Amino acid sequence: MNYILYTIDGCSKCHMARKHLLEENIPFLEINILKNPSAAIQLKKKMKEVIAPVLVSDDRIIVGSDILLMKGEIR
């Protein structure tokens, strides 16, 4: 499954989400929505708002601290 992690600079929850995904060996592409305005627009279309962190796959959207509940075997 392909995951995209939307983050912003200086966000402690984003840092924790990134660290957790790496520790669980869950592959993801990280996109900083402050540095990539078109990604922020895509995120707003999916969620009706722009927040971070958000983990998106083809069939799932996981927001904030819920990302920390993911385990490596759930891909």
N, C-alpha and C. Protein backbone atom coordinates (compact mmCIF):
# COMPACT_ATOMS: atom_id res chain seq x y z
N MET A 1 0.85 -1.18 0.00
CA MET A 1 0.00 0.00 0.00
C MET A 1 0.89 1.24 0.00
N ASN A 2 0.53 2.24 -0.77
CA ASN A 2 1.28 3.47 -0.85
C ASN A 2 0.68 4.52 0.07
N TYR A 3 1.49 5.02 0.98
CA TYR A 3 1.06 6.05 1.92
C TYR A 3 1.74 7.37 1.61
N ILE A 4 1.00 8.46 1.80
CA ILE A 4 1.55 9.80 1.74
C ILE A 4 1.32 10.43 3.10
N LEU A 5 2.39 10.92 3.71
CA LEU A 5 2.30 11.61 4.98
C LEU A 5 2.43 13.10 4.72
N TYR A 6 1.36 13.84 4.97
CA TYR A 6 1.37 15.29 4.83
C TYR A 6 1.80 15.90 6.15
N THR A 7 2.83 16.75 6.10
CA THR A 7 3.40 17.35 7.31
C THR A 7 3.61 18.84 7.10
N ILE A 8 3.96 19.53 8.20
CA ILE A 8 4.42 20.92 8.14
C ILE A 8 5.65 21.04 9.04
N ASP A 9 6.46 22.04 8.76
CA ASP A 9 7.65 22.29 9.57
C ASP A 9 7.27 22.67 10.99
N GLY A 10 8.05 22.20 11.96
CA GLY A 10 7.86 22.59 13.36
C GLY A 10 6.68 21.93 14.06
N CYS A 11 6.10 20.94 13.47
CA CYS A 11 4.93 20.26 14.04
C CYS A 11 5.39 19.03 14.81
N SER A 12 5.18 19.04 16.13
CA SER A 12 5.63 17.90 16.94
C SER A 12 4.86 16.63 16.62
N LYS A 13 3.57 16.74 16.33
CA LYS A 13 2.79 15.55 15.96
C LYS A 13 3.27 14.98 14.64
N CYS A 14 3.67 15.85 13.72
CA CYS A 14 4.21 15.39 12.43
C CYS A 14 5.51 14.63 12.66
N HIS A 15 6.36 15.17 13.52
CA HIS A 15 7.63 14.51 13.84
C HIS A 15 7.38 13.14 14.45
N MET A 16 6.44 13.06 15.40
CA MET A 16 6.13 11.78 16.04
C MET A 16 5.55 10.79 15.03
N ALA A 17 4.70 11.25 14.13
CA ALA A 17 4.10 10.37 13.12
C ALA A 17 5.19 9.83 12.19
N ARG A 18 6.08 10.70 11.72
CA ARG A 18 7.18 10.27 10.85
C ARG A 18 8.05 9.23 11.55
N LYS A 19 8.42 9.52 12.80
CA LYS A 19 9.26 8.60 13.58
C LYS A 19 8.58 7.25 13.76
N HIS A 20 7.29 7.27 14.07
CA HIS A 20 6.54 6.03 14.29
C HIS A 20 6.48 5.19 13.00
N LEU A 21 6.19 5.81 11.88
CA LEU A 21 6.12 5.07 10.62
C LEU A 21 7.46 4.45 10.27
N LEU A 22 8.54 5.17 10.51
CA LEU A 22 9.87 4.62 10.26
C LEU A 22 10.17 3.44 11.18
N GLU A 23 9.83 3.57 12.47
CA GLU A 23 10.06 2.49 13.43
C GLU A 23 9.25 1.24 13.09
N GLU A 24 8.06 1.44 12.54
CA GLU A 24 7.18 0.31 12.19
C GLU A 24 7.46 -0.22 10.78
N ASN A 25 8.45 0.37 10.12
CA ASN A 25 8.80 -0.04 8.75
C ASN A 25 7.62 0.07 7.78
N ILE A 26 6.84 1.10 7.96
CA ILE A 26 5.72 1.38 7.06
C ILE A 26 6.21 2.38 6.03
N PRO A 27 6.30 1.98 4.77
CA PRO A 27 6.82 2.89 3.74
C PRO A 27 5.84 4.03 3.45
N PHE A 28 6.41 5.22 3.28
CA PHE A 28 5.58 6.39 3.00
C PHE A 28 6.39 7.43 2.25
N LEU A 29 5.68 8.30 1.58
CA LEU A 29 6.25 9.47 0.94
C LEU A 29 5.82 10.66 1.77
N GLU A 30 6.76 11.47 2.21
CA GLU A 30 6.42 12.65 3.02
C GLU A 30 6.33 13.88 2.13
N ILE A 31 5.26 14.63 2.32
CA ILE A 31 5.07 15.88 1.58
C ILE A 31 4.79 16.99 2.59
N ASN A 32 5.63 18.01 2.55
CA ASN A 32 5.46 19.17 3.41
C ASN A 32 4.51 20.13 2.71
N ILE A 33 3.35 20.36 3.30
CA ILE A 33 2.33 21.17 2.63
C ILE A 33 2.67 22.66 2.62
N LEU A 34 3.62 23.09 3.46
CA LEU A 34 4.06 24.49 3.41
C LEU A 34 5.01 24.73 2.24
N LYS A 35 5.75 23.71 1.88
CA LYS A 35 6.71 23.83 0.79
C LYS A 35 6.12 23.40 -0.55
N ASN A 36 4.94 22.76 -0.50
CA ASN A 36 4.30 22.27 -1.72
C ASN A 36 2.82 22.69 -1.71
N PRO A 37 2.54 23.92 -2.12
CA PRO A 37 1.17 24.43 -2.06
C PRO A 37 0.16 23.57 -2.83
N SER A 38 0.57 22.95 -3.92
CA SER A 38 -0.38 22.11 -4.66
C SER A 38 -0.80 20.90 -3.84
N ALA A 39 0.10 20.41 -2.98
CA ALA A 39 -0.26 19.29 -2.09
C ALA A 39 -1.30 19.74 -1.07
N ALA A 40 -1.19 20.97 -0.60
CA ALA A 40 -2.19 21.50 0.34
C ALA A 40 -3.56 21.57 -0.33
N ILE A 41 -3.58 21.93 -1.59
CA ILE A 41 -4.84 21.98 -2.34
C ILE A 41 -5.42 20.57 -2.49
N GLN A 42 -4.59 19.59 -2.80
CA GLN A 42 -5.04 18.20 -2.90
C GLN A 42 -5.61 17.71 -1.58
N LEU A 43 -4.92 18.04 -0.50
CA LEU A 43 -5.37 17.63 0.83
C LEU A 43 -6.72 18.26 1.16
N LYS A 44 -6.88 19.52 0.82
CA LYS A 44 -8.16 20.20 1.09
C LYS A 44 -9.30 19.54 0.31
N LYS A 45 -9.03 19.10 -0.92
CA LYS A 45 -10.06 18.42 -1.70
C LYS A 45 -10.47 17.10 -1.05
N LYS A 46 -9.50 16.39 -0.47
CA LYS A 46 -9.80 15.10 0.15
C LYS A 46 -10.50 15.24 1.50
N MET A 47 -10.09 16.26 2.29
CA MET A 47 -10.56 16.36 3.67
C MET A 47 -11.44 17.56 3.96
N LYS A 48 -11.55 18.47 3.03
CA LYS A 48 -12.31 19.72 3.21
C LYS A 48 -11.63 20.69 4.16
N GLU A 49 -10.38 20.39 4.55
CA GLU A 49 -9.58 21.29 5.38
C GLU A 49 -8.11 20.92 5.22
N VAL A 50 -7.24 21.79 5.66
CA VAL A 50 -5.81 21.53 5.58
C VAL A 50 -5.27 21.44 7.00
N ILE A 51 -4.87 20.23 7.39
CA ILE A 51 -4.31 19.99 8.71
C ILE A 51 -3.12 19.04 8.55
N ALA A 52 -2.35 18.91 9.61
CA ALA A 52 -1.21 17.99 9.58
C ALA A 52 -0.98 17.47 11.00
N PRO A 53 -0.49 16.26 11.14
CA PRO A 53 -0.17 15.32 10.09
C PRO A 53 -1.42 14.56 9.60
N VAL A 54 -1.35 14.16 8.36
CA VAL A 54 -2.38 13.33 7.76
C VAL A 54 -1.68 12.26 6.94
N LEU A 55 -2.12 11.02 7.12
CA LEU A 55 -1.58 9.90 6.35
C LEU A 55 -2.68 9.41 5.42
N VAL A 56 -2.38 9.41 4.13
CA VAL A 56 -3.39 9.08 3.12
C VAL A 56 -2.91 7.88 2.30
N SER A 57 -3.82 6.96 2.05
CA SER A 57 -3.57 5.87 1.10
C SER A 57 -4.73 5.87 0.12
N ASP A 58 -4.77 4.89 -0.73
CA ASP A 58 -5.85 4.82 -1.71
C ASP A 58 -7.23 4.76 -1.06
N ASP A 59 -7.32 4.08 0.07
CA ASP A 59 -8.63 3.86 0.68
C ASP A 59 -8.74 4.32 2.14
N ARG A 60 -7.71 4.99 2.65
CA ARG A 60 -7.73 5.40 4.07
C ARG A 60 -7.20 6.82 4.24
N ILE A 61 -7.75 7.51 5.23
CA ILE A 61 -7.22 8.80 5.66
C ILE A 61 -7.11 8.72 7.18
N ILE A 62 -5.90 8.88 7.69
CA ILE A 62 -5.65 8.79 9.13
C ILE A 62 -5.08 10.12 9.57
N VAL A 63 -5.66 10.70 10.62
CA VAL A 63 -5.33 12.06 11.03
C VAL A 63 -4.70 12.07 12.42
N GLY A 64 -3.69 12.92 12.57
CA GLY A 64 -3.10 13.22 13.87
C GLY A 64 -2.55 12.02 14.61
N SER A 65 -2.86 11.94 15.89
CA SER A 65 -2.32 10.91 16.77
C SER A 65 -2.78 9.50 16.40
N ASP A 66 -3.84 9.38 15.61
CA ASP A 66 -4.28 8.05 15.18
C ASP A 66 -3.22 7.35 14.33
N ILE A 67 -2.33 8.12 13.72
CA ILE A 67 -1.25 7.54 12.94
C ILE A 67 -0.36 6.67 13.84
N LEU A 68 -0.24 7.07 15.10
CA LEU A 68 0.62 6.35 16.04
C LEU A 68 0.06 4.98 16.41
N LEU A 69 -1.18 4.70 16.04
CA LEU A 69 -1.79 3.40 16.33
C LEU A 69 -1.49 2.37 15.25
N MET A 70 -0.94 2.81 14.14
CA MET A 70 -0.64 1.88 13.04
C MET A 70 0.51 0.96 13.43
N LYS A 71 0.38 -0.26 13.02
CA LYS A 71 1.43 -1.27 13.25
C LYS A 71 1.94 -1.75 11.90
N GLY A 72 3.18 -2.17 11.86
CA GLY A 72 3.82 -2.58 10.62
C GLY A 72 3.08 -3.67 9.87
N GLU A 73 2.41 -4.58 10.59
CA GLU A 73 1.74 -5.69 9.92
C GLU A 73 0.44 -5.26 9.25
N ILE A 74 -0.05 -4.05 9.52
CA ILE A 74 -1.30 -3.57 8.92
C ILE A 74 -0.96 -2.72 7.72
N ARG A 75 -0.76 -3.34 6.59
CA ARG A 75 -0.37 -2.56 5.40
C ARG A 75 -1.40 -2.69 4.36
